[in-house]
């Protein structure tokens, strides 16, 4: 699905957000 990539926590680990299942 469509999504954005951001950083999470002090380790700056990348993660997904704004996940949209209606678009690829």
PDBML (XML) file of the C-alpha atoms, coordinates in Angstrom:
<?xml version="1.0" encoding="UTF-8" ?>
<PDBx:datablock datablockName="MODEL"
   xmlns:PDBx="http://pdbml.pdb.org/schema/pdbx-v50.xsd"
   xmlns:xsi="http://www.w3.org/2001/XMLSchema-instance"
   xsi:schemaLocation="http://pdbml.pdb.org/schema/pdbx-v50.xsd pdbx-v50.xsd">
   <PDBx:atom_siteCategory>
      <PDBx:atom_site id="1">
         <PDBx:B_iso_or_equiv>0.00</PDBx:B_iso_or_equiv>
         <PDBx:Cartn_x>0.000</PDBx:Cartn_x>
         <PDBx:Cartn_y>0.000</PDBx:Cartn_y>
         <PDBx:Cartn_z>0.000</PDBx:Cartn_z>
         <PDBx:auth_asym_id>A</PDBx:auth_asym_id>
         <PDBx:auth_atom_id>CA</PDBx:auth_atom_id>
         <PDBx:auth_comp_id>UNK</PDBx:auth_comp_id>
         <PDBx:auth_seq_id>1</PDBx:auth_seq_id>
         <PDBx:group_PDB>ATOM</PDBx:group_PDB>
         <PDBx:label_alt_id xsi:nil="true" />
         <PDBx:label_asym_id>A</PDBx:label_asym_id>
         <PDBx:label_atom_id>CA</PDBx:label_atom_id>
         <PDBx:label_comp_id>UNK</PDBx:label_comp_id>
         <PDBx:label_entity_id>1</PDBx:label_entity_id>
         <PDBx:label_seq_id>1</PDBx:label_seq_id>
         <PDBx:occupancy>1.00</PDBx:occupancy>
         <PDBx:pdbx_PDB_model_num>1</PDBx:pdbx_PDB_model_num>
         <PDBx:type_symbol>C</PDBx:type_symbol>
      </PDBx:atom_site>
      <PDBx:atom_site id="2">
         <PDBx:B_iso_or_equiv>0.00</PDBx:B_iso_or_equiv>
         <PDBx:Cartn_x>0.899</PDBx:Cartn_x>
         <PDBx:Cartn_y>3.627</PDBx:Cartn_y>
         <PDBx:Cartn_z>-0.278</PDBx:Cartn_z>
         <PDBx:auth_asym_id>A</PDBx:auth_asym_id>
         <PDBx:auth_atom_id>CA</PDBx:auth_atom_id>
         <PDBx:auth_comp_id>UNK</PDBx:auth_comp_id>
         <PDBx:auth_seq_id>2</PDBx:auth_seq_id>
         <PDBx:group_PDB>ATOM</PDBx:group_PDB>
         <PDBx:label_alt_id xsi:nil="true" />
         <PDBx:label_asym_id>A</PDBx:label_asym_id>
         <PDBx:label_atom_id>CA</PDBx:label_atom_id>
         <PDBx:label_comp_id>UNK</PDBx:label_comp_id>
         <PDBx:label_entity_id>1</PDBx:label_entity_id>
         <PDBx:label_seq_id>2</PDBx:label_seq_id>
         <PDBx:occupancy>1.00</PDBx:occupancy>
         <PDBx:pdbx_PDB_model_num>1</PDBx:pdbx_PDB_model_num>
         <PDBx:type_symbol>C</PDBx:type_symbol>
      </PDBx:atom_site>
      <PDBx:atom_site id="3">
         <PDBx:B_iso_or_equiv>0.00</PDBx:B_iso_or_equiv>
         <PDBx:Cartn_x>2.779</PDBx:Cartn_x>
         <PDBx:Cartn_y>4.921</PDBx:Cartn_y>
         <PDBx:Cartn_z>2.755</PDBx:Cartn_z>
         <PDBx:auth_asym_id>A</PDBx:auth_asym_id>
         <PDBx:auth_atom_id>CA</PDBx:auth_atom_id>
         <PDBx:auth_comp_id>UNK</PDBx:auth_comp_id>
         <PDBx:auth_seq_id>3</PDBx:auth_seq_id>
         <PDBx:group_PDB>ATOM</PDBx:group_PDB>
         <PDBx:label_alt_id xsi:nil="true" />
         <PDBx:label_asym_id>A</PDBx:label_asym_id>
         <PDBx:label_atom_id>CA</PDBx:label_atom_id>
         <PDBx:label_comp_id>UNK</PDBx:label_comp_id>
         <PDBx:label_entity_id>1</PDBx:label_entity_id>
         <PDBx:label_seq_id>3</PDBx:label_seq_id>
         <PDBx:occupancy>1.00</PDBx:occupancy>
         <PDBx:pdbx_PDB_model_num>1</PDBx:pdbx_PDB_model_num>
         <PDBx:type_symbol>C</PDBx:type_symbol>
      </PDBx:atom_site>
      <PDBx:atom_site id="4">
         <PDBx:B_iso_or_equiv>0.00</PDBx:B_iso_or_equiv>
         <PDBx:Cartn_x>5.335</PDBx:Cartn_x>
         <PDBx:Cartn_y>7.346</PDBx:Cartn_y>
         <PDBx:Cartn_z>4.086</PDBx:Cartn_z>
         <PDBx:auth_asym_id>A</PDBx:auth_asym_id>
         <PDBx:auth_atom_id>CA</PDBx:auth_atom_id>
         <PDBx:auth_comp_id>UNK</PDBx:auth_comp_id>
         <PDBx:auth_seq_id>4</PDBx:auth_seq_id>
         <PDBx:group_PDB>ATOM</PDBx:group_PDB>
         <PDBx:label_alt_id xsi:nil="true" />
         <PDBx:label_asym_id>A</PDBx:label_asym_id>
         <PDBx:label_atom_id>CA</PDBx:label_atom_id>
         <PDBx:label_comp_id>UNK</PDBx:label_comp_id>
         <PDBx:label_entity_id>1</PDBx:label_entity_id>
         <PDBx:label_seq_id>4</PDBx:label_seq_id>
         <PDBx:occupancy>1.00</PDBx:occupancy>
         <PDBx:pdbx_PDB_model_num>1</PDBx:pdbx_PDB_model_num>
         <PDBx:type_symbol>C</PDBx:type_symbol>
      </PDBx:atom_site>
      <PDBx:atom_site id="5">
         <PDBx:B_iso_or_equiv>0.00</PDBx:B_iso_or_equiv>
         <PDBx:Cartn_x>8.593</PDBx:Cartn_x>
         <PDBx:Cartn_y>6.529</PDBx:Cartn_y>
         <PDBx:Cartn_z>5.849</PDBx:Cartn_z>
         <PDBx:auth_asym_id>A</PDBx:auth_asym_id>
         <PDBx:auth_atom_id>CA</PDBx:auth_atom_id>
         <PDBx:auth_comp_id>UNK</PDBx:auth_comp_id>
         <PDBx:auth_seq_id>5</PDBx:auth_seq_id>
         <PDBx:group_PDB>ATOM</PDBx:group_PDB>
         <PDBx:label_alt_id xsi:nil="true" />
         <PDBx:label_asym_id>A</PDBx:label_asym_id>
         <PDBx:label_atom_id>CA</PDBx:label_atom_id>
         <PDBx:label_comp_id>UNK</PDBx:label_comp_id>
         <PDBx:label_entity_id>1</PDBx:label_entity_id>
         <PDBx:label_seq_id>5</PDBx:label_seq_id>
         <PDBx:occupancy>1.00</PDBx:occupancy>
         <PDBx:pdbx_PDB_model_num>1</PDBx:pdbx_PDB_model_num>
         <PDBx:type_symbol>C</PDBx:type_symbol>
      </PDBx:atom_site>
      <PDBx:atom_site id="6">
         <PDBx:B_iso_or_equiv>0.00</PDBx:B_iso_or_equiv>
         <PDBx:Cartn_x>9.654</PDBx:Cartn_x>
         <PDBx:Cartn_y>8.174</PDBx:Cartn_y>
         <PDBx:Cartn_z>9.090</PDBx:Cartn_z>
         <PDBx:auth_asym_id>A</PDBx:auth_asym_id>
         <PDBx:auth_atom_id>CA</PDBx:auth_atom_id>
         <PDBx:auth_comp_id>UNK</PDBx:auth_comp_id>
         <PDBx:auth_seq_id>6</PDBx:auth_seq_id>
         <PDBx:group_PDB>ATOM</PDBx:group_PDB>
         <PDBx:label_alt_id xsi:nil="true" />
         <PDBx:label_asym_id>A</PDBx:label_asym_id>
         <PDBx:label_atom_id>CA</PDBx:label_atom_id>
         <PDBx:label_comp_id>UNK</PDBx:label_comp_id>
         <PDBx:label_entity_id>1</PDBx:label_entity_id>
         <PDBx:label_seq_id>6</PDBx:label_seq_id>
         <PDBx:occupancy>1.00</PDBx:occupancy>
         <PDBx:pdbx_PDB_model_num>1</PDBx:pdbx_PDB_model_num>
         <PDBx:type_symbol>C</PDBx:type_symbol>
      </PDBx:atom_site>
      <PDBx:atom_site id="7">
         <PDBx:B_iso_or_equiv>0.00</PDBx:B_iso_or_equiv>
         <PDBx:Cartn_x>11.986</PDBx:Cartn_x>
         <PDBx:Cartn_y>7.611</PDBx:Cartn_y>
         <PDBx:Cartn_z>12.041</PDBx:Cartn_z>
         <PDBx:auth_asym_id>A</PDBx:auth_asym_id>
         <PDBx:auth_atom_id>CA</PDBx:auth_atom_id>
         <PDBx:auth_comp_id>UNK</PDBx:auth_comp_id>
         <PDBx:auth_seq_id>7</PDBx:auth_seq_id>
         <PDBx:group_PDB>ATOM</PDBx:group_PDB>
         <PDBx:label_alt_id xsi:nil="true" />
         <PDBx:label_asym_id>A</PDBx:label_asym_id>
         <PDBx:label_atom_id>CA</PDBx:label_atom_id>
         <PDBx:label_comp_id>UNK</PDBx:label_comp_id>
         <PDBx:label_entity_id>1</PDBx:label_entity_id>
         <PDBx:label_seq_id>7</PDBx:label_seq_id>
         <PDBx:occupancy>1.00</PDBx:occupancy>
         <PDBx:pdbx_PDB_model_num>1</PDBx:pdbx_PDB_model_num>
         <PDBx:type_symbol>C</PDBx:type_symbol>
      </PDBx:atom_site>
      <PDBx:atom_site id="8">
         <PDBx:B_iso_or_equiv>0.00</PDBx:B_iso_or_equiv>
         <PDBx:Cartn_x>10.939</PDBx:Cartn_x>
         <PDBx:Cartn_y>6.152</PDBx:Cartn_y>
         <PDBx:Cartn_z>15.379</PDBx:Cartn_z>
         <PDBx:auth_asym_id>A</PDBx:auth_asym_id>
         <PDBx:auth_atom_id>CA</PDBx:auth_atom_id>
         <PDBx:auth_comp_id>UNK</PDBx:auth_comp_id>
         <PDBx:auth_seq_id>8</PDBx:auth_seq_id>
         <PDBx:group_PDB>ATOM</PDBx:group_PDB>
         <PDBx:label_alt_id xsi:nil="true" />
         <PDBx:label_asym_id>A</PDBx:label_asym_id>
         <PDBx:label_atom_id>CA</PDBx:label_atom_id>
         <PDBx:label_comp_id>UNK</PDBx:label_comp_id>
         <PDBx:label_entity_id>1</PDBx:label_entity_id>
         <PDBx:label_seq_id>8</PDBx:label_seq_id>
         <PDBx:occupancy>1.00</PDBx:occupancy>
         <PDBx:pdbx_PDB_model_num>1</PDBx:pdbx_PDB_model_num>
         <PDBx:type_symbol>C</PDBx:type_symbol>
      </PDBx:atom_site>
      <PDBx:atom_site id="9">
         <PDBx:B_iso_or_equiv>0.00</PDBx:B_iso_or_equiv>
         <PDBx:Cartn_x>12.592</PDBx:Cartn_x>
         <PDBx:Cartn_y>6.427</PDBx:Cartn_y>
         <PDBx:Cartn_z>18.824</PDBx:Cartn_z>
         <PDBx:auth_asym_id>A</PDBx:auth_asym_id>
         <PDBx:auth_atom_id>CA</PDBx:auth_atom_id>
         <PDBx:auth_comp_id>UNK</PDBx:auth_comp_id>
         <PDBx:auth_seq_id>9</PDBx:auth_seq_id>
         <PDBx:group_PDB>ATOM</PDBx:group_PDB>
         <PDBx:label_alt_id xsi:nil="true" />
         <PDBx:label_asym_id>A</PDBx:label_asym_id>
         <PDBx:label_atom_id>CA</PDBx:label_atom_id>
         <PDBx:label_comp_id>UNK</PDBx:label_comp_id>
         <PDBx:label_entity_id>1</PDBx:label_entity_id>
         <PDBx:label_seq_id>9</PDBx:label_seq_id>
         <PDBx:occupancy>1.00</PDBx:occupancy>
         <PDBx:pdbx_PDB_model_num>1</PDBx:pdbx_PDB_model_num>
         <PDBx:type_symbol>C</PDBx:type_symbol>
      </PDBx:atom_site>
      <PDBx:atom_site id="10">
         <PDBx:B_iso_or_equiv>0.00</PDBx:B_iso_or_equiv>
         <PDBx:Cartn_x>16.084</PDBx:Cartn_x>
         <PDBx:Cartn_y>7.396</PDBx:Cartn_y>
         <PDBx:Cartn_z>19.845</PDBx:Cartn_z>
         <PDBx:auth_asym_id>A</PDBx:auth_asym_id>
         <PDBx:auth_atom_id>CA</PDBx:auth_atom_id>
         <PDBx:auth_comp_id>UNK</PDBx:auth_comp_id>
         <PDBx:auth_seq_id>10</PDBx:auth_seq_id>
         <PDBx:group_PDB>ATOM</PDBx:group_PDB>
         <PDBx:label_alt_id xsi:nil="true" />
         <PDBx:label_asym_id>A</PDBx:label_asym_id>
         <PDBx:label_atom_id>CA</PDBx:label_atom_id>
         <PDBx:label_comp_id>UNK</PDBx:label_comp_id>
         <PDBx:label_entity_id>1</PDBx:label_entity_id>
         <PDBx:label_seq_id>10</PDBx:label_seq_id>
         <PDBx:occupancy>1.00</PDBx:occupancy>
         <PDBx:pdbx_PDB_model_num>1</PDBx:pdbx_PDB_model_num>
         <PDBx:type_symbol>C</PDBx:type_symbol>
      </PDBx:atom_site>
      <PDBx:atom_site id="11">
         <PDBx:B_iso_or_equiv>0.00</PDBx:B_iso_or_equiv>
         <PDBx:Cartn_x>17.551</PDBx:Cartn_x>
         <PDBx:Cartn_y>4.745</PDBx:Cartn_y>
         <PDBx:Cartn_z>17.544</PDBx:Cartn_z>
         <PDBx:auth_asym_id>A</PDBx:auth_asym_id>
         <PDBx:auth_atom_id>CA</PDBx:auth_atom_id>
         <PDBx:auth_comp_id>UNK</PDBx:auth_comp_id>
         <PDBx:auth_seq_id>11</PDBx:auth_seq_id>
         <PDBx:group_PDB>ATOM</PDBx:group_PDB>
         <PDBx:label_alt_id xsi:nil="true" />
         <PDBx:label_asym_id>A</PDBx:label_asym_id>
         <PDBx:label_atom_id>CA</PDBx:label_atom_id>
         <PDBx:label_comp_id>UNK</PDBx:label_comp_id>
         <PDBx:label_entity_id>1</PDBx:label_entity_id>
         <PDBx:label_seq_id>11</PDBx:label_seq_id>
         <PDBx:occupancy>1.00</PDBx:occupancy>
         <PDBx:pdbx_PDB_model_num>1</PDBx:pdbx_PDB_model_num>
         <PDBx:type_symbol>C</PDBx:type_symbol>
      </PDBx:atom_site>
      <PDBx:atom_site id="12">
         <PDBx:B_iso_or_equiv>0.00</PDBx:B_iso_or_equiv>
         <PDBx:Cartn_x>16.049</PDBx:Cartn_x>
         <PDBx:Cartn_y>6.562</PDBx:Cartn_y>
         <PDBx:Cartn_z>14.577</PDBx:Cartn_z>
         <PDBx:auth_asym_id>A</PDBx:auth_asym_id>
         <PDBx:auth_atom_id>CA</PDBx:auth_atom_id>
         <PDBx:auth_comp_id>UNK</PDBx:auth_comp_id>
         <PDBx:auth_seq_id>12</PDBx:auth_seq_id>
         <PDBx:group_PDB>ATOM</PDBx:group_PDB>
         <PDBx:label_alt_id xsi:nil="true" />
         <PDBx:label_asym_id>A</PDBx:label_asym_id>
         <PDBx:label_atom_id>CA</PDBx:label_atom_id>
         <PDBx:label_comp_id>UNK</PDBx:label_comp_id>
         <PDBx:label_entity_id>1</PDBx:label_entity_id>
         <PDBx:label_seq_id>12</PDBx:label_seq_id>
         <PDBx:occupancy>1.00</PDBx:occupancy>
         <PDBx:pdbx_PDB_model_num>1</PDBx:pdbx_PDB_model_num>
         <PDBx:type_symbol>C</PDBx:type_symbol>
      </PDBx:atom_site>
      <PDBx:atom_site id="13">
         <PDBx:B_iso_or_equiv>0.00</PDBx:B_iso_or_equiv>
         <PDBx:Cartn_x>14.670</PDBx:Cartn_x>
         <PDBx:Cartn_y>3.299</PDBx:Cartn_y>
         <PDBx:Cartn_z>13.227</PDBx:Cartn_z>
         <PDBx:auth_asym_id>A</PDBx:auth_asym_id>
         <PDBx:auth_atom_id>CA</PDBx:auth_atom_id>
         <PDBx:auth_comp_id>UNK</PDBx:auth_comp_id>
         <PDBx:auth_seq_id>13</PDBx:auth_seq_id>
         <PDBx:group_PDB>ATOM</PDBx:group_PDB>
         <PDBx:label_alt_id xsi:nil="true" />
         <PDBx:label_asym_id>A</PDBx:label_asym_id>
         <PDBx:label_atom_id>CA</PDBx:label_atom_id>
         <PDBx:label_comp_id>UNK</PDBx:label_comp_id>
         <PDBx:label_entity_id>1</PDBx:label_entity_id>
         <PDBx:label_seq_id>13</PDBx:label_seq_id>
         <PDBx:occupancy>1.00</PDBx:occupancy>
         <PDBx:pdbx_PDB_model_num>1</PDBx:pdbx_PDB_model_num>
         <PDBx:type_symbol>C</PDBx:type_symbol>
      </PDBx:atom_site>
      <PDBx:atom_site id="14">
         <PDBx:B_iso_or_equiv>0.00</PDBx:B_iso_or_equiv>
         <PDBx:Cartn_x>12.651</PDBx:Cartn_x>
         <PDBx:Cartn_y>3.770</PDBx:Cartn_y>
         <PDBx:Cartn_z>10.038</PDBx:Cartn_z>
         <PDBx:auth_asym_id>A</PDBx:auth_asym_id>
         <PDBx:auth_atom_id>CA</PDBx:auth_atom_id>
         <PDBx:auth_comp_id>UNK</PDBx:auth_comp_id>
         <PDBx:auth_seq_id>14</PDBx:auth_seq_id>
         <PDBx:group_PDB>ATOM</PDBx:group_PDB>
         <PDBx:label_alt_id xsi:nil="true" />
         <PDBx:label_asym_id>A</PDBx:label_asym_id>
         <PDBx:label_atom_id>CA</PDBx:label_atom_id>
         <PDBx:label_comp_id>UNK</PDBx:label_comp_id>
         <PDBx:label_entity_id>1</PDBx:label_entity_id>
         <PDBx:label_seq_id>14</PDBx:label_seq_id>
         <PDBx:occupancy>1.00</PDBx:occupancy>
         <PDBx:pdbx_PDB_model_num>1</PDBx:pdbx_PDB_model_num>
         <PDBx:type_symbol>C</PDBx:type_symbol>
      </PDBx:atom_site>
      <PDBx:atom_site id="15">
         <PDBx:B_iso_or_equiv>0.00</PDBx:B_iso_or_equiv>
         <PDBx:Cartn_x>8.978</PDBx:Cartn_x>
         <PDBx:Cartn_y>2.853</PDBx:Cartn_y>
         <PDBx:Cartn_z>10.111</PDBx:Cartn_z>
         <PDBx:auth_asym_id>A</PDBx:auth_asym_id>
         <PDBx:auth_atom_id>CA</PDBx:auth_atom_id>
         <PDBx:auth_comp_id>UNK</PDBx:auth_comp_id>
         <PDBx:auth_seq_id>15</PDBx:auth_seq_id>
         <PDBx:group_PDB>ATOM</PDBx:group_PDB>
         <PDBx:label_alt_id xsi:nil="true" />
         <PDBx:label_asym_id>A</PDBx:label_asym_id>
         <PDBx:label_atom_id>CA</PDBx:label_atom_id>
         <PDBx:label_comp_id>UNK</PDBx:label_comp_id>
         <PDBx:label_entity_id>1</PDBx:label_entity_id>
         <PDBx:label_seq_id>15</PDBx:label_seq_id>
         <PDBx:occupancy>1.00</PDBx:occupancy>
         <PDBx:pdbx_PDB_model_num>1</PDBx:pdbx_PDB_model_num>
         <PDBx:type_symbol>C</PDBx:type_symbol>
      </PDBx:atom_site>
      <PDBx:atom_site id="16">
         <PDBx:B_iso_or_equiv>0.00</PDBx:B_iso_or_equiv>
         <PDBx:Cartn_x>5.821</PDBx:Cartn_x>
         <PDBx:Cartn_y>3.265</PDBx:Cartn_y>
         <PDBx:Cartn_z>8.041</PDBx:Cartn_z>
         <PDBx:auth_asym_id>A</PDBx:auth_asym_id>
         <PDBx:auth_atom_id>CA</PDBx:auth_atom_id>
         <PDBx:auth_comp_id>UNK</PDBx:auth_comp_id>
         <PDBx:auth_seq_id>16</PDBx:auth_seq_id>
         <PDBx:group_PDB>ATOM</PDBx:group_PDB>
         <PDBx:label_alt_id xsi:nil="true" />
         <PDBx:label_asym_id>A</PDBx:label_asym_id>
         <PDBx:label_atom_id>CA</PDBx:label_atom_id>
         <PDBx:label_comp_id>UNK</PDBx:label_comp_id>
         <PDBx:label_entity_id>1</PDBx:label_entity_id>
         <PDBx:label_seq_id>16</PDBx:label_seq_id>
         <PDBx:occupancy>1.00</PDBx:occupancy>
         <PDBx:pdbx_PDB_model_num>1</PDBx:pdbx_PDB_model_num>
         <PDBx:type_symbol>C</PDBx:type_symbol>
      </PDBx:atom_site>
      <PDBx:atom_site id="17">
         <PDBx:B_iso_or_equiv>0.00</PDBx:B_iso_or_equiv>
         <PDBx:Cartn_x>3.041</PDBx:Cartn_x>
         <PDBx:Cartn_y>5.781</PDBx:Cartn_y>
         <PDBx:Cartn_z>8.610</PDBx:Cartn_z>
         <PDBx:auth_asym_id>A</PDBx:auth_asym_id>
         <PDBx:auth_atom_id>CA</PDBx:auth_atom_id>
         <PDBx:auth_comp_id>UNK</PDBx:auth_comp_id>
         <PDBx:auth_seq_id>17</PDBx:auth_seq_id>
         <PDBx:group_PDB>ATOM</PDBx:group_PDB>
         <PDBx:label_alt_id xsi:nil="true" />
         <PDBx:label_asym_id>A</PDBx:label_asym_id>
         <PDBx:label_atom_id>CA</PDBx:label_atom_id>
         <PDBx:label_comp_id>UNK</PDBx:label_comp_id>
         <PDBx:label_entity_id>1</PDBx:label_entity_id>
         <PDBx:label_seq_id>17</PDBx:label_seq_id>
         <PDBx:occupancy>1.00</PDBx:occupancy>
         <PDBx:pdbx_PDB_model_num>1</PDBx:pdbx_PDB_model_num>
         <PDBx:type_symbol>C</PDBx:type_symbol>
      </PDBx:atom_site>
      <PDBx:atom_site id="18">
         <PDBx:B_iso_or_equiv>0.00</PDBx:B_iso_or_equiv>
         <PDBx:Cartn_x>0.099</PDBx:Cartn_x>
         <PDBx:Cartn_y>7.261</PDBx:Cartn_y>
         <PDBx:Cartn_z>6.679</PDBx:Cartn_z>
         <PDBx:auth_asym_id>A</PDBx:auth_asym_id>
         <PDBx:auth_atom_id>CA</PDBx:auth_atom_id>
         <PDBx:auth_comp_id>UNK</PDBx:auth_comp_id>
         <PDBx:auth_seq_id>18</PDBx:auth_seq_id>
         <PDBx:group_PDB>ATOM</PDBx:group_PDB>
         <PDBx:label_alt_id xsi:nil="true" />
         <PDBx:label_asym_id>A</PDBx:label_asym_id>
         <PDBx:label_atom_id>CA</PDBx:label_atom_id>
         <PDBx:label_comp_id>UNK</PDBx:label_comp_id>
         <PDBx:label_entity_id>1</PDBx:label_entity_id>
         <PDBx:label_seq_id>18</PDBx:label_seq_id>
         <PDBx:occupancy>1.00</PDBx:occupancy>
         <PDBx:pdbx_PDB_model_num>1</PDBx:pdbx_PDB_model_num>
         <PDBx:type_symbol>C</PDBx:type_symbol>
      </PDBx:atom_site>
      <PDBx:atom_site id="19">
         <PDBx:B_iso_or_equiv>0.00</PDBx:B_iso_or_equiv>
         <PDBx:Cartn_x>-0.642</PDBx:Cartn_x>
         <PDBx:Cartn_y>3.801</PDBx:Cartn_y>
         <PDBx:Cartn_z>5.278</PDBx:Cartn_z>
         <PDBx:auth_asym_id>A</PDBx:auth_asym_id>
         <PDBx:auth_atom_id>CA</PDBx:auth_atom_id>
         <PDBx:auth_comp_id>UNK</PDBx:auth_comp_id>
         <PDBx:auth_seq_id>19</PDBx:auth_seq_id>
         <PDBx:group_PDB>ATOM</PDBx:group_PDB>
         <PDBx:label_alt_id xsi:nil="true" />
         <PDBx:label_asym_id>A</PDBx:label_asym_id>
         <PDBx:label_atom_id>CA</PDBx:label_atom_id>
         <PDBx:label_comp_id>UNK</PDBx:label_comp_id>
         <PDBx:label_entity_id>1</PDBx:label_entity_id>
         <PDBx:label_seq_id>19</PDBx:label_seq_id>
         <PDBx:occupancy>1.00</PDBx:occupancy>
         <PDBx:pdbx_PDB_model_num>1</PDBx:pdbx_PDB_model_num>
         <PDBx:type_symbol>C</PDBx:type_symbol>
      </PDBx:atom_site>
      <PDBx:atom_site id="20">
         <PDBx:B_iso_or_equiv>0.00</PDBx:B_iso_or_equiv>
         <PDBx:Cartn_x>-3.340</PDBx:Cartn_x>
         <PDBx:Cartn_y>3.958</PDBx:Cartn_y>
         <PDBx:Cartn_z>2.595</PDBx:Cartn_z>
         <PDBx:auth_asym_id>A</PDBx:auth_asym_id>
         <PDBx:auth_atom_id>CA</PDBx:auth_atom_id>
         <PDBx:auth_comp_id>UNK</PDBx:auth_comp_id>
         <PDBx:auth_seq_id>20</PDBx:auth_seq_id>
         <PDBx:group_PDB>ATOM</PDBx:group_PDB>
         <PDBx:label_alt_id xsi:nil="true" />
         <PDBx:label_asym_id>A</PDBx:label_asym_id>
         <PDBx:label_atom_id>CA</PDBx:label_atom_id>
         <PDBx:label_comp_id>UNK</PDBx:label_comp_id>
         <PDBx:label_entity_id>1</PDBx:label_entity_id>
         <PDBx:label_seq_id>20</PDBx:label_seq_id>
         <PDBx:occupancy>1.00</PDBx:occupancy>
         <PDBx:pdbx_PDB_model_num>1</PDBx:pdbx_PDB_model_num>
         <PDBx:type_symbol>C</PDBx:type_symbol>
      </PDBx:atom_site>
      <PDBx:atom_site id="21">
         <PDBx:B_iso_or_equiv>0.00</PDBx:B_iso_or_equiv>
         <PDBx:Cartn_x>-4.707</PDBx:Cartn_x>
         <PDBx:Cartn_y>0.584</PDBx:Cartn_y>
         <PDBx:Cartn_z>1.450</PDBx:Cartn_z>
         <PDBx:auth_asym_id>A</PDBx:auth_asym_id>
         <PDBx:auth_atom_id>CA</PDBx:auth_atom_id>
         <PDBx:auth_comp_id>UNK</PDBx:auth_comp_id>
         <PDBx:auth_seq_id>21</PDBx:auth_seq_id>
         <PDBx:group_PDB>ATOM</PDBx:group_PDB>
         <PDBx:label_alt_id xsi:nil="true" />
         <PDBx:label_asym_id>A</PDBx:label_asym_id>
         <PDBx:label_atom_id>CA</PDBx:label_atom_id>
         <PDBx:label_comp_id>UNK</PDBx:label_comp_id>
         <PDBx:label_entity_id>1</PDBx:label_entity_id>
         <PDBx:label_seq_id>21</PDBx:label_seq_id>
         <PDBx:occupancy>1.00</PDBx:occupancy>
         <PDBx:pdbx_PDB_model_num>1</PDBx:pdbx_PDB_model_num>
         <PDBx:type_symbol>C</PDBx:type_symbol>
      </PDBx:atom_site>
      <PDBx:atom_site id="22">
         <PDBx:B_iso_or_equiv>0.00</PDBx:B_iso_or_equiv>
         <PDBx:Cartn_x>-6.761</PDBx:Cartn_x>
         <PDBx:Cartn_y>2.222</PDBx:Cartn_y>
         <PDBx:Cartn_z>-1.318</PDBx:Cartn_z>
         <PDBx:auth_asym_id>A</PDBx:auth_asym_id>
         <PDBx:auth_atom_id>CA</PDBx:auth_atom_id>
         <PDBx:auth_comp_id>UNK</PDBx:auth_comp_id>
         <PDBx:auth_seq_id>22</PDBx:auth_seq_id>
         <PDBx:group_PDB>ATOM</PDBx:group_PDB>
         <PDBx:label_alt_id xsi:nil="true" />
         <PDBx:label_asym_id>A</PDBx:label_asym_id>
         <PDBx:label_atom_id>CA</PDBx:label_atom_id>
         <PDBx:label_comp_id>UNK</PDBx:label_comp_id>
         <PDBx:label_entity_id>1</PDBx:label_entity_id>
         <PDBx:label_seq_id>22</PDBx:label_seq_id>
         <PDBx:occupancy>1.00</PDBx:occupancy>
         <PDBx:pdbx_PDB_model_num>1</PDBx:pdbx_PDB_model_num>
         <PDBx:type_symbol>C</PDBx:type_symbol>
      </PDBx:atom_site>
      <PDBx:atom_site id="23">
         <PDBx:B_iso_or_equiv>0.00</PDBx:B_iso_or_equiv>
         <PDBx:Cartn_x>-3.672</PDBx:Cartn_x>
         <PDBx:Cartn_y>3.156</PDBx:Cartn_y>
         <PDBx:Cartn_z>-3.337</PDBx:Cartn_z>
         <PDBx:auth_asym_id>A</PDBx:auth_asym_id>
         <PDBx:auth_atom_id>CA</PDBx:auth_atom_id>
         <PDBx:auth_comp_id>UNK</PDBx:auth_comp_id>
         <PDBx:auth_seq_id>23</PDBx:auth_seq_id>
         <PDBx:group_PDB>ATOM</PDBx:group_PDB>
         <PDBx:label_alt_id xsi:nil="true" />
         <PDBx:label_asym_id>A</PDBx:label_asym_id>
         <PDBx:label_atom_id>CA</PDBx:label_atom_id>
         <PDBx:label_comp_id>UNK</PDBx:label_comp_id>
         <PDBx:label_entity_id>1</PDBx:label_entity_id>
         <PDBx:label_seq_id>23</PDBx:label_seq_id>
         <PDBx:occupancy>1.00</PDBx:occupancy>
         <PDBx:pdbx_PDB_model_num>1</PDBx:pdbx_PDB_model_num>
         <PDBx:type_symbol>C</PDBx:type_symbol>
      </PDBx:atom_site>
      <PDBx:atom_site id="24">
         <PDBx:B_iso_or_equiv>0.00</PDBx:B_iso_or_equiv>
         <PDBx:Cartn_x>-0.587</PDBx:Cartn_x>
         <PDBx:Cartn_y>1.209</PDBx:Cartn_y>
         <PDBx:Cartn_z>-4.226</PDBx:Cartn_z>
         <PDBx:auth_asym_id>A</PDBx:auth_asym_id>
         <PDBx:auth_atom_id>CA</PDBx:auth_atom_id>
         <PDBx:auth_comp_id>UNK</PDBx:auth_comp_id>
         <PDBx:auth_seq_id>24</PDBx:auth_seq_id>
         <PDBx:group_PDB>ATOM</PDBx:group_PDB>
         <PDBx:label_alt_id xsi:nil="true" />
         <PDBx:label_asym_id>A</PDBx:label_asym_id>
         <PDBx:label_atom_id>CA</PDBx:label_atom_id>
         <PDBx:label_comp_id>UNK</PDBx:label_comp_id>
         <PDBx:label_entity_id>1</PDBx:label_entity_id>
         <PDBx:label_seq_id>24</PDBx:label_seq_id>
         <PDBx:occupancy>1.00</PDBx:occupancy>
         <PDBx:pdbx_PDB_model_num>1</PDBx:pdbx_PDB_model_num>
         <PDBx:type_symbol>C</PDBx:type_symbol>
      </PDBx:atom_site>
   </PDBx:atom_siteCategory>
</PDBx:datablock>
